[in-house]
Protein backbone atom coordinates (compact mmCIF):
# COMPACT_ATOMS: atom_id res chain seq x y z
CA MET A 1 36.16 -47.19 -32.26
CA SER A 2 38.17 -44.00 -32.38
CA ILE A 3 38.83 -41.65 -29.21
CA ASP A 4 37.82 -38.51 -29.05
CA LEU A 5 39.94 -35.90 -26.93
CA SER A 6 37.25 -33.11 -25.49
CA LEU A 7 36.70 -31.37 -21.70
CA ASP A 8 32.78 -29.81 -23.52
CA ARG A 9 30.61 -33.58 -22.45
CA ILE A 10 32.17 -33.83 -19.12
CA ARG A 11 31.94 -30.16 -18.27
CA LYS A 12 28.29 -30.57 -19.24
CA LEU A 13 28.10 -33.53 -17.17
CA LEU A 14 29.49 -31.90 -14.06
CA ALA A 15 27.47 -28.53 -14.41
CA HIS A 16 24.23 -30.80 -14.04
CA PHE A 17 25.58 -31.91 -10.50
CA PRO A 18 24.45 -28.93 -7.81
CA VAL A 19 27.70 -29.16 -5.55
CA PRO A 20 31.06 -28.59 -7.55
CA TYR A 21 34.03 -29.86 -7.27
CA THR A 22 36.30 -28.32 -4.43
CA ARG A 23 38.96 -31.24 -3.41
CA PRO A 24 42.51 -30.25 -3.15
CA THR A 25 44.20 -31.78 -5.86
CA ILE A 26 47.52 -32.96 -7.25
CA HIS A 27 47.45 -33.85 -10.88
CA VAL A 28 50.45 -36.14 -12.26
CA ALA A 29 51.12 -36.86 -16.25
CA GLY A 30 53.14 -38.49 -18.41
CA THR A 31 54.21 -41.35 -20.54
CA ASN A 32 55.40 -44.25 -18.28
CA GLY A 33 56.27 -43.88 -14.51
CA LYS A 34 52.67 -41.62 -13.46
CA GLY A 35 50.85 -44.63 -11.82
CA SER A 36 53.92 -45.26 -9.38
CA VAL A 37 54.09 -41.76 -8.38
CA CYS A 38 50.25 -41.28 -7.72
CA ALA A 39 50.76 -44.81 -5.32
CA TYR A 40 53.64 -43.35 -3.81
CA VAL A 41 52.18 -40.11 -2.96
CA SER A 42 49.12 -41.56 -2.10
CA SER A 43 50.85 -44.04 0.34
CA ILE A 44 52.69 -41.19 1.68
CA LEU A 45 49.91 -38.91 2.42
CA ALA A 46 48.25 -41.94 4.08
CA ALA A 47 50.32 -42.04 5.98
CA ALA A 48 50.66 -38.71 7.65
CA ASP A 49 50.50 -37.89 11.48
CA PRO A 50 47.54 -37.95 12.09
CA PRO A 51 46.70 -39.64 8.55
CA LEU A 52 45.28 -37.36 5.78
CA VAL A 53 41.92 -38.97 3.82
CA VAL A 54 43.33 -39.65 0.21
CA GLY A 55 41.52 -39.88 -2.70
CA ARG A 56 42.96 -41.97 -6.06
CA PHE A 57 42.13 -42.13 -9.63
CA ASN A 58 44.04 -44.33 -11.54
CA SER A 59 43.13 -45.60 -15.00
CA PRO A 60 43.14 -48.34 -16.45
CA HIS A 61 41.83 -49.67 -13.79
CA LEU A 62 43.25 -53.20 -12.99
CA LEU A 63 40.85 -55.92 -12.43
CA ASN A 64 37.54 -53.73 -12.47
CA TRP A 65 36.15 -50.01 -12.60
CA LEU A 66 35.94 -50.43 -8.24
CA ASP A 67 39.67 -50.40 -8.20
CA GLY A 68 40.63 -47.22 -10.41
CA ILE A 69 38.76 -45.40 -7.50
CA SER A 70 40.18 -45.74 -4.29
CA ILE A 71 39.91 -44.35 -0.73
CA GLN A 72 43.27 -44.43 1.80
CA ASN A 73 44.27 -47.11 -0.69
CA LYS A 74 41.79 -49.07 -0.72
CA PRO A 75 39.31 -49.51 -3.71
CA ILE A 76 35.89 -48.35 -3.40
CA THR A 77 33.03 -50.57 -2.52
CA LEU A 78 30.15 -51.83 -4.56
CA GLU A 79 27.33 -49.68 -2.10
CA THR A 80 30.06 -46.82 -3.33
CA PHE A 81 30.17 -47.56 -6.86
CA TRP A 82 26.61 -48.44 -7.99
CA PRO A 83 24.52 -45.05 -6.64
CA THR A 84 27.06 -42.54 -8.36
CA ARG A 85 27.52 -44.76 -11.45
CA ASN A 86 23.38 -44.65 -12.01
CA GLU A 87 23.03 -41.23 -11.07
CA ILE A 88 25.45 -39.82 -13.57
CA HIS A 89 24.14 -42.34 -16.41
CA ALA A 90 20.57 -41.03 -15.73
CA ILE A 91 22.04 -37.05 -16.37
CA ASP A 92 23.76 -38.34 -19.33
CA THR A 93 21.14 -40.07 -20.76
CA GLU A 94 18.46 -37.42 -20.36
CA HIS A 95 20.29 -34.36 -21.50
CA GLY A 96 21.72 -36.42 -24.11
CA ILE A 97 25.50 -35.39 -23.48
CA GLY A 98 26.87 -38.95 -24.95
CA ALA A 99 30.21 -38.78 -22.44
CA SER A 100 32.52 -41.39 -23.06
CA ASN A 101 32.79 -44.56 -20.59
CA PHE A 102 36.43 -42.52 -19.52
CA GLU A 103 34.29 -39.55 -19.38
CA GLN A 104 31.86 -40.86 -16.48
CA TYR A 105 34.43 -42.91 -15.16
CA THR A 106 36.40 -39.72 -14.12
CA CYS A 107 33.32 -37.06 -13.28
CA MET A 108 31.87 -40.60 -10.93
CA ALA A 109 35.59 -40.14 -9.30
CA LEU A 110 35.04 -36.82 -8.76
CA LEU A 111 31.59 -36.97 -7.15
CA ILE A 112 32.67 -39.61 -5.00
CA PHE A 113 35.63 -37.57 -3.75
CA GLU A 114 33.82 -34.35 -3.28
CA ARG A 115 30.71 -35.84 -0.91
CA MET A 116 33.24 -37.99 0.96
CA HIS A 117 34.88 -35.06 1.76
CA VAL A 118 39.05 -36.39 0.79
CA ASP A 119 41.33 -34.15 2.52
CA VAL A 120 43.55 -34.81 -1.04
CA VAL A 121 42.65 -35.91 -4.24
CA VAL A 122 45.78 -37.80 -6.05
CA LEU A 123 44.43 -37.79 -10.08
CA GLU A 124 46.12 -39.68 -12.73
CA VAL A 125 45.73 -38.50 -16.48
CA GLY A 126 44.13 -41.27 -18.52
CA MET A 127 45.80 -40.28 -21.78
CA GLY A 128 47.55 -36.51 -22.37
CA GLY A 129 46.48 -34.02 -20.56
CA ARG A 130 45.28 -30.32 -22.50
CA LEU A 131 42.25 -32.92 -23.26
CA ASP A 132 42.33 -35.42 -20.52
CA ALA A 133 38.39 -35.94 -18.86
CA THR A 134 41.06 -35.31 -15.60
CA ASN A 135 41.74 -32.08 -16.58
CA VAL A 136 38.38 -30.55 -15.74
CA ALA A 137 39.31 -29.80 -12.33
CA PRO A 138 39.22 -26.25 -11.91
CA ASP A 139 42.41 -24.30 -11.63
CA ALA A 140 41.30 -23.37 -7.58
CA CYS A 141 41.53 -27.00 -6.49
CA ILE A 142 44.79 -28.01 -8.06
CA LEU A 143 47.51 -27.90 -5.33
CA VAL A 144 50.88 -29.12 -7.77
CA SER A 145 50.94 -30.87 -11.13
CA ALA A 146 53.40 -33.31 -12.51
CA LEU A 147 54.94 -34.59 -15.06
CA THR A 148 56.93 -38.26 -15.31
CA ALA A 149 58.96 -39.40 -18.35
CA VAL A 150 57.58 -38.47 -21.56
CA ASP A 151 58.08 -40.86 -24.36
CA LEU A 152 56.56 -42.08 -27.23
CA ASP A 153 52.98 -43.45 -27.23
CA HIS A 154 49.43 -42.90 -28.48
CA GLN A 155 50.89 -40.88 -31.15
CA ALA A 156 47.53 -41.27 -33.59
CA LEU A 157 46.28 -38.97 -30.68
CA LEU A 158 48.79 -36.87 -29.09
CA GLY A 159 51.59 -36.31 -31.90
CA ASN A 160 54.25 -38.28 -33.67
CA THR A 161 57.40 -36.23 -31.84
CA VAL A 162 58.22 -36.15 -28.11
CA GLU A 163 57.95 -32.48 -28.42
CA LEU A 164 54.24 -32.71 -29.36
CA ILE A 165 53.69 -35.19 -26.70
CA THR A 166 55.15 -33.56 -23.98
CA ARG A 167 52.82 -30.11 -25.38
CA GLU A 168 49.54 -31.97 -24.84
CA LYS A 169 51.15 -33.56 -21.08
CA ALA A 170 52.11 -30.24 -19.62
CA ALA A 171 49.26 -28.61 -20.28
CA ILE A 172 48.20 -29.35 -17.10
CA ALA A 173 50.16 -26.86 -15.94
CA ARG A 174 47.99 -24.09 -13.39
CA LYS A 175 48.32 -20.21 -12.99
CA SER A 176 50.55 -19.70 -9.86
CA LYS A 177 51.04 -23.44 -8.93
CA PRO A 178 53.97 -25.45 -9.03
CA PHE A 179 54.45 -28.23 -11.70
CA ILE A 180 57.30 -30.95 -10.74
CA LEU A 181 59.21 -32.14 -13.83
CA GLY A 182 60.44 -35.91 -13.34
CA PRO A 183 63.69 -37.16 -14.83
CA GLN A 184 63.42 -37.24 -18.63
CA VAL A 185 65.49 -39.74 -21.15
CA HIS A 186 64.80 -37.07 -23.97
CA ARG A 187 66.54 -33.66 -23.24
CA GLN A 188 63.59 -31.61 -25.11
CA VAL A 189 61.25 -32.28 -22.76
CA GLU A 190 62.44 -29.82 -20.50
CA ASP A 191 62.65 -27.36 -22.59
CA VAL A 192 58.87 -28.06 -24.27
CA ALA A 193 57.88 -28.12 -20.43
CA ARG A 194 59.20 -25.19 -19.42
CA GLU A 195 57.63 -23.29 -22.23
CA ILE A 196 54.31 -24.82 -21.14
CA VAL A 197 54.35 -24.15 -17.98
CA GLU A 198 55.65 -20.50 -17.97
CA ALA A 199 53.14 -20.12 -20.19
CA ALA A 200 50.42 -20.97 -18.36
CA GLY A 201 51.86 -18.96 -15.46
CA GLY A 202 52.94 -21.82 -13.28
CA GLU A 203 56.46 -22.73 -11.67
CA LEU A 204 58.56 -25.37 -12.90
CA LEU A 205 60.34 -27.37 -10.16
CA PRO A 206 62.75 -29.97 -10.03
CA ALA A 207 61.70 -33.47 -8.84
CA CYS A 208 64.07 -34.43 -5.36
CA SER A 209 67.04 -36.49 -5.55
CA VAL A 210 67.06 -40.69 -4.62
CA VAL A 211 70.12 -42.18 -4.28
CA PRO A 212 70.51 -45.73 -3.07
CA VAL A 213 72.92 -46.28 0.17
CA GLU A 214 74.04 -49.15 2.02
CA TRP A 215 71.39 -50.91 4.47
CA ASP A 216 72.03 -50.58 7.95
CA GLU A 217 70.52 -52.71 10.84
CA ASN A 218 70.55 -49.90 13.34
CA LEU A 219 68.41 -47.31 11.08
CA ASP A 220 66.26 -50.11 8.70
CA GLY A 221 66.08 -52.90 11.23
CA PRO A 222 67.18 -56.53 10.62
CA GLN A 223 67.85 -57.18 7.05
CA ARG A 224 65.14 -59.89 5.46
CA PRO A 225 67.52 -62.69 4.39
CA ALA A 226 67.90 -63.32 0.65
CA GLY A 227 66.16 -66.30 -0.60
CA ALA A 228 67.87 -69.43 -2.14
CA GLY A 229 67.93 -68.53 -5.98
CA ILE A 230 65.66 -65.80 -7.64
CA GLY A 231 62.35 -64.36 -6.91
CA VAL A 232 62.99 -62.93 -3.53
CA PRO A 233 63.98 -59.46 -3.70
CA LEU A 234 65.21 -57.53 -0.64
CA LEU A 235 63.87 -54.09 -0.11
CA GLN A 236 66.22 -51.03 -1.41
CA THR A 237 67.46 -48.27 1.14
CA VAL A 238 67.36 -44.90 -0.13
CA GLN A 239 67.48 -41.26 0.74
CA ILE A 240 65.28 -38.46 -0.67
CA SER A 241 66.76 -35.19 -0.55
CA MET A 242 64.29 -32.85 -0.12
CA PRO A 243 64.70 -28.70 0.40
CA SER A 244 61.86 -29.19 3.25
CA PHE A 245 63.99 -30.97 5.81
CA ALA A 246 67.83 -30.72 6.42
CA ASP A 247 68.80 -33.76 6.35
CA PRO A 248 67.90 -36.67 3.67
CA VAL A 249 65.16 -38.95 4.32
CA ARG A 250 65.74 -42.24 4.61
CA ALA A 251 63.14 -44.86 3.72
CA LEU A 252 63.18 -48.52 2.18
CA LEU A 253 61.73 -48.81 -1.36
CA PRO A 254 59.63 -51.62 -1.96
CA LEU A 255 59.08 -51.15 -5.78
CA HIS A 256 61.83 -52.39 -7.82
CA GLY A 257 63.86 -50.97 -10.82
CA GLU A 258 66.45 -48.23 -11.23
CA HIS A 259 63.50 -46.37 -12.91
CA GLN A 260 61.68 -46.62 -9.28
CA TYR A 261 64.31 -43.87 -8.04
CA GLY A 262 63.06 -41.28 -10.19
CA ASN A 263 59.27 -41.83 -9.58
CA LEU A 264 60.03 -41.62 -6.00
CA GLY A 265 61.55 -38.25 -6.63
CA THR A 266 58.96 -37.30 -8.51
CA ALA A 267 56.81 -37.91 -5.45
CA ALA A 268 59.31 -36.35 -3.14
CA GLY A 269 58.85 -33.21 -5.64
CA ILE A 270 55.04 -33.17 -4.75
CA VAL A 271 55.26 -33.38 -1.05
CA SER A 272 57.75 -31.11 -1.09
CA ALA A 273 55.77 -28.12 -2.87
CA LEU A 274 52.91 -29.16 -0.76
CA LEU A 275 55.67 -28.19 2.00
CA THR A 276 56.90 -25.44 0.64
CA HIS A 277 54.76 -23.85 -1.96
CA PRO A 278 53.07 -20.66 -0.78
CA SER A 279 50.35 -21.23 -3.27
CA VAL A 280 49.31 -24.37 -1.11
CA GLN A 281 50.02 -22.85 2.19
CA ARG A 282 47.53 -20.13 1.37
CA HIS A 283 44.85 -23.19 0.04
CA VAL A 284 45.13 -25.56 2.28
CA PRO A 285 46.33 -24.03 6.08
CA GLU A 286 43.25 -25.96 7.52
CA LEU A 287 45.66 -29.13 6.26
CA LYS A 288 48.53 -28.24 8.73
CA LEU A 289 51.06 -30.02 6.40
CA HIS A 290 53.89 -29.16 8.25
CA GLU A 291 52.74 -30.72 10.99
CA ARG A 292 51.81 -34.00 9.29
CA LEU A 293 54.32 -34.67 6.66
CA THR A 294 57.31 -35.33 8.65
CA PRO A 295 60.43 -37.42 7.90
CA ALA A 296 59.13 -40.24 9.71
CA ALA A 297 55.44 -39.91 7.52
CA ILE A 298 57.28 -40.02 4.57
CA ALA A 299 59.45 -43.18 5.55
CA ARG A 300 56.50 -44.75 6.14
CA GLY A 301 54.52 -43.91 3.01
CA VAL A 302 57.06 -45.10 0.94
CA ARG A 303 57.68 -48.55 2.78
CA ALA A 304 53.57 -48.94 2.54
CA THR A 305 53.48 -48.19 -0.98
CA ARG A 306 51.82 -51.14 -3.44
CA TRP A 307 51.30 -50.70 -7.26
CA PRO A 308 50.65 -54.21 -8.59
CA GLY A 309 51.50 -54.98 -12.22
CA ARG A 310 54.94 -52.78 -11.98
CA LEU A 311 57.53 -55.29 -11.44
CA SER A 312 55.48 -57.17 -8.88
CA TYR A 313 56.67 -60.50 -7.63
CA HIS A 314 53.82 -62.89 -6.81
CA ASN A 315 53.61 -66.43 -5.49
CA ILE A 316 50.85 -68.52 -7.27
CA THR A 317 49.75 -72.32 -6.76
CA LEU A 318 47.91 -74.05 -9.71
CA PRO A 319 45.91 -76.92 -8.23
CA ALA A 320 46.02 -80.86 -9.25
CA ASP A 321 43.62 -81.35 -11.47
CA PRO A 322 42.58 -85.60 -11.63
CA SER A 323 40.74 -84.99 -14.87
CA THR A 324 43.83 -84.04 -17.10
CA GLY A 325 46.09 -85.55 -14.76
CA GLU A 326 47.99 -81.99 -14.20
CA THR A 327 49.75 -81.88 -10.95
CA GLU A 328 49.95 -79.37 -8.16
CA LEU A 329 52.69 -76.37 -9.25
CA ARG A 330 53.77 -73.20 -7.29
CA LEU A 331 55.49 -70.58 -9.59
CA THR A 332 57.07 -67.10 -8.81
CA VAL A 333 55.97 -65.21 -11.76
CA LEU A 334 56.98 -61.43 -12.20
CA ALA A 335 54.37 -59.43 -13.80
CA ASP A 336 54.92 -56.10 -15.16
CA GLY A 337 52.51 -54.38 -17.54
CA ALA A 338 55.54 -52.84 -19.86
CA HIS A 339 53.68 -52.34 -22.94
CA ASN A 340 55.59 -49.60 -24.93
CA PRO A 341 59.38 -49.77 -26.03
CA ALA A 342 60.57 -46.98 -22.91
CA SER A 343 58.86 -49.18 -20.28
CA ALA A 344 59.88 -52.82 -21.85
CA ALA A 345 63.34 -51.18 -22.00
CA ALA A 346 62.93 -50.49 -18.06
CA LEU A 347 61.97 -53.98 -17.48
CA ALA A 348 64.64 -55.43 -19.78
CA ALA A 349 67.10 -53.32 -17.73
CA TYR A 350 66.10 -54.84 -14.21
CA LEU A 351 66.32 -58.20 -15.33
CA THR A 352 69.66 -58.09 -16.82
CA SER A 353 70.83 -55.90 -13.33
CA MET A 354 68.88 -58.62 -11.23
CA LEU A 355 69.83 -61.53 -13.03
CA GLU A 356 73.52 -60.98 -13.17
CA LYS A 357 73.41 -60.80 -9.53
CA THR A 358 72.09 -64.22 -8.94
CA GLY A 359 74.66 -66.62 -10.20
CA LYS A 360 76.39 -67.59 -12.70
CA GLY A 361 74.38 -71.22 -13.29
CA PRO A 362 72.04 -71.89 -16.39
CA LEU A 363 69.24 -70.20 -16.03
CA THR A 364 65.46 -70.83 -17.51
CA LEU A 365 63.60 -67.49 -18.66
CA THR A 366 60.26 -67.66 -20.08
CA TYR A 367 58.35 -64.66 -20.63
CA ILE A 368 54.40 -64.79 -21.16
CA LEU A 369 53.63 -61.89 -23.26
CA GLY A 370 50.53 -60.16 -24.43
CA LEU A 371 50.65 -56.87 -26.50
CA SER A 372 48.01 -54.24 -27.04
CA HIS A 373 47.35 -53.33 -30.64
CA SER A 374 48.31 -49.48 -30.65
CA PRO A 375 50.01 -47.98 -34.33
CA PRO A 376 52.39 -46.45 -34.78
CA LYS A 377 53.78 -48.49 -31.90
CA THR A 378 55.37 -51.70 -33.33
CA PRO A 379 55.35 -55.74 -31.68
CA VAL A 380 58.88 -55.39 -32.56
CA GLN A 381 59.74 -52.03 -31.10
CA THR A 382 58.33 -53.17 -27.54
CA LEU A 383 59.74 -56.93 -27.72
CA GLY A 384 63.04 -55.86 -28.80
CA PRO A 385 64.54 -55.12 -25.66
CA LEU A 386 62.90 -57.92 -23.75
CA LEU A 387 64.87 -60.30 -26.46
CA GLU A 388 67.94 -58.45 -25.52
CA VAL A 389 67.84 -59.69 -21.98
CA GLN A 390 69.37 -62.86 -23.30
CA SER A 391 72.36 -61.76 -25.29
CA GLN A 392 73.16 -59.62 -22.35
CA LEU A 393 72.90 -62.68 -19.65
CA SER A 394 74.68 -65.07 -22.12
CA LYS A 395 78.32 -63.27 -21.55
CA THR A 396 78.10 -64.92 -18.23
CA ARG A 397 75.65 -67.69 -17.97
CA GLU A 398 73.73 -69.89 -20.09
CA VAL A 399 70.21 -68.76 -20.64
CA ARG A 400 67.60 -71.16 -22.17
CA LEU A 401 64.82 -68.57 -23.31
CA GLY A 402 61.00 -69.45 -23.87
CA ALA A 403 57.83 -67.20 -24.72
CA ALA A 404 54.37 -68.12 -24.29
CA LEU A 405 52.48 -65.83 -26.73
CA LEU A 406 48.82 -65.25 -25.59
CA ALA A 407 45.93 -62.64 -26.19
CA PHE A 408 44.35 -61.21 -23.19
CA THR A 409 41.00 -61.06 -22.68
CA GLN A 410 39.41 -57.64 -24.46
CA PRO A 411 38.23 -55.59 -21.78
CA ALA A 412 34.48 -54.86 -21.54
CA ARG A 413 33.35 -51.57 -22.56
CA MET A 414 36.50 -50.81 -24.35
CA PRO A 415 36.09 -51.38 -27.90
CA TRP A 416 39.37 -49.47 -28.30
CA ILE A 417 41.31 -51.97 -26.78
CA SER A 418 42.59 -54.64 -29.07
CA ALA A 419 45.06 -57.91 -28.28
CA VAL A 420 47.73 -58.32 -30.71
CA PRO A 421 47.17 -61.84 -32.13
CA PRO A 422 49.68 -64.59 -30.93
CA ALA A 423 50.92 -65.02 -34.36
CA THR A 424 51.76 -61.32 -34.78
CA ILE A 425 53.95 -61.34 -31.84
CA ARG A 426 55.43 -64.76 -33.14
CA ALA A 427 56.34 -62.70 -36.58
CA ALA A 428 57.81 -60.56 -34.30
CA ILE A 429 60.01 -62.19 -32.58
CA ASP A 430 61.25 -64.39 -36.05
CA THR A 431 62.21 -60.67 -37.21
CA LEU A 432 64.15 -60.22 -34.15
CA VAL A 433 65.80 -63.44 -34.19
CA PRO A 434 65.57 -65.50 -37.42
CA PRO A 435 65.18 -68.87 -37.02
CA SER A 436 67.99 -69.19 -39.78
CA SER A 437 69.94 -66.86 -37.19
CA GLN A 438 69.33 -69.87 -33.98
CA THR A 439 72.60 -71.88 -33.96
CA GLU A 440 74.20 -73.43 -31.00
CA SER A 441 75.90 -69.79 -30.33
CA LYS A 442 72.31 -68.36 -30.29
CA PRO A 443 70.17 -70.85 -28.68
CA VAL A 444 66.59 -71.35 -30.10
CA ILE A 445 63.87 -70.03 -28.39
CA ASP A 446 61.10 -71.85 -27.15
CA ILE A 447 58.25 -70.96 -28.59
CA TYR A 448 54.12 -71.72 -26.90
CA GLU A 449 51.22 -70.44 -28.94
CA ASP A 450 48.37 -70.10 -27.52
CA GLU A 451 45.44 -71.20 -30.34
CA ALA A 452 42.80 -70.80 -28.25
CA GLU A 453 41.40 -67.28 -29.42
CA VAL A 454 40.11 -65.26 -26.27
CA PRO A 455 37.05 -63.56 -27.21
CA GLU A 456 35.21 -60.71 -26.68
CA GLU A 457 33.53 -60.86 -23.15
CA GLN A 458 29.63 -61.38 -24.15
CA LEU A 459 27.01 -59.60 -21.60
CA GLN A 460 23.88 -61.30 -21.04
CA PRO A 461 21.06 -59.65 -22.82
CA GLY A 462 18.59 -57.98 -19.92
CA VAL A 463 21.41 -57.91 -17.42
CA ASP A 464 22.60 -54.95 -16.07
CA PRO A 465 26.00 -54.62 -18.27
CA ASP A 466 27.98 -52.95 -16.14
CA LYS A 467 26.96 -55.27 -13.19
CA GLN A 468 28.63 -58.43 -15.54
CA VAL A 469 31.82 -56.25 -15.56
CA LEU A 470 32.22 -56.14 -11.90
CA GLU A 471 30.82 -59.84 -10.88
CA ARG A 472 30.88 -62.18 -13.52
CA PRO A 473 33.43 -65.07 -13.34
CA PRO A 474 36.98 -64.43 -14.49
CA ARG A 475 38.29 -66.00 -17.73
CA THR A 476 41.41 -67.26 -17.51
CA GLU A 477 42.22 -70.68 -18.81
CA HIS A 478 44.76 -69.31 -21.27
CA VAL A 479 47.09 -67.39 -18.44
CA GLU A 480 46.77 -70.99 -17.09
CA ARG A 481 48.25 -73.27 -19.48
CA ALA A 482 50.62 -70.74 -20.54
CA LEU A 483 52.09 -70.98 -16.40
CA ARG A 484 51.80 -75.08 -17.04
CA TRP A 485 54.07 -74.80 -19.99
CA ALA A 486 56.41 -72.54 -18.59
CA ALA A 487 56.88 -74.96 -15.46
CA SER A 488 57.49 -77.45 -17.79
CA ARG A 489 60.59 -76.16 -18.85
CA ARG A 490 62.37 -75.72 -15.48
CA ARG A 491 65.18 -77.80 -14.74
CA GLU A 492 65.99 -79.39 -11.69
CA GLY A 493 69.03 -77.48 -9.23
CA GLU A 494 68.86 -74.23 -11.66
CA ASP A 495 67.71 -70.85 -11.74
CA SER A 496 63.92 -70.60 -13.61
CA LEU A 497 61.92 -66.97 -13.41
CA VAL A 498 58.65 -66.37 -14.98
CA VAL A 499 57.89 -63.09 -16.45
CA LEU A 500 54.55 -62.12 -17.71
CA ALA A 501 54.65 -58.54 -19.10
CA GLY A 502 53.48 -56.76 -22.48
CA SER A 503 49.95 -55.41 -21.27
CA LEU A 504 48.23 -54.54 -18.18
CA TYR A 505 45.36 -56.37 -19.97
CA LEU A 506 47.47 -59.44 -19.66
CA VAL A 507 48.26 -58.71 -15.77
CA ALA A 508 44.89 -58.71 -15.24
CA ASP A 509 43.86 -61.75 -16.29
CA PHE A 510 46.75 -63.14 -14.22
CA TYR A 511 45.31 -61.40 -11.43
CA ARG A 512 42.11 -62.91 -12.57
CA LEU A 513 43.65 -66.47 -12.05
CA LEU A 514 45.08 -65.45 -8.73
CA GLN A 515 41.60 -64.37 -7.35
CA LYS A 516 39.83 -67.93 -9.07
CA TYR A 517 42.17 -69.88 -6.68
CA GLY A 518 41.57 -67.74 -3.70
CA GLN A 519 44.72 -66.01 -3.99
CA ALA A 520 44.10 -62.48 -4.20
CA ASP A 521 46.21 -61.36 -1.25
CA GLU A 522 48.96 -62.20 -3.50
CA ILE A 523 47.75 -59.42 -5.44
CA TRP A 524 47.30 -56.10 -3.39
CA GLY A 525 49.66 -57.22 -0.55
CA ALA A 526 52.63 -57.98 -2.67
CA ASN A 527 55.94 -55.83 -2.81
């Protein structure tokens, strides 16, 4: 199924509702990092004194449609979801609009936020920007737009070069409104973004500077002791330089990886624009942002930020199964939705840096991998950075590398998403590290290839399909098998790490396993 990017259908859909969308809105586009930026911004705004009521829309959703729409950083309830969903679906059917699932989902978020009269909405672009359904938000509503790191992804829809992709994403710029440009890997992004923003009559502003600093117990409190070995990461103290304050804001950063400095800097740039840009002051003087968004509030918001599936550490206990002889297992898993070469490179950089600091002894590193089919992006391009971690670490320590290859569960009502077959992932690994090249100097990569096909979820006839999507039992056996295989590779007294990556849809399967065993707090409460 192809994706037809257009604003025509969602405009027709929204036109049938008597109350227009008027919520003050922060709009964020980008290839990588936009979800993290939205998480920082919504957490900071909710930490204001007194708190602002914040609505946030993220896509794709993680576990189900509820968690893509949140109020005060908590997913909406079924009681909020169903009436709005049914109302929108009925109007779409009655008028023959033919809005896509994502367009209806976006419309649902906007209606819920409007009817709840939230103070501010943080709106994440789904794909691209110019023709994305979220770009239906009226100019008058937009407080700030932002663009996070741009890279190659979804080229079939957005263009085959970084320049073309930037044109699509920067087109969320609005006249007379600030536009925050986050740190970029590709230098040409700034030139293209500036051209697009200035043509729209907007004002291009840089992200704020965020730098790591040493922990100070007098300022930051007692430092939590590091755990033995791998898996208990410490918070990083950072200083954020914001034009709105004379002194840097000192905060504890809970999200991991050096790329988060840039994401936090982009979020801080958005908050700074809320405090300093004349258009914001004219638009929402009643919010009294200068009084509420103090340095202390910003630091609280940064510390409270949660963004599951992005370098998230989770502890899982797999129960014993007497029928199969399986024993109880406890594992720490690092879950990351890295799904393209750029995000895989960020994950690889984090792993290399972190694992170099944890010791010099032997290490068992096990990947659990599942990839989305998204040409022209190839499995070789995405996996390349991850397999380089072994060679980087092997300069200082012995690394036993393994990879479990899975197909994630096909997301219901998202036929354009498909998993790369495990055999294809295996072929990509063999291309990167040919079996003939695996000698004593380049250790063999242990492979677990899940042979059980993960079928598309089947819906029961005569029962509301959306209700089943939200409430049916999770399918998680493939992930549990892979985790047990990963646990079998561990050696007594040696460091080990399990990294689950390649797609947020695979991360979602892992999170459903946590839910299955009553460990859901590990999802939303993890650092």
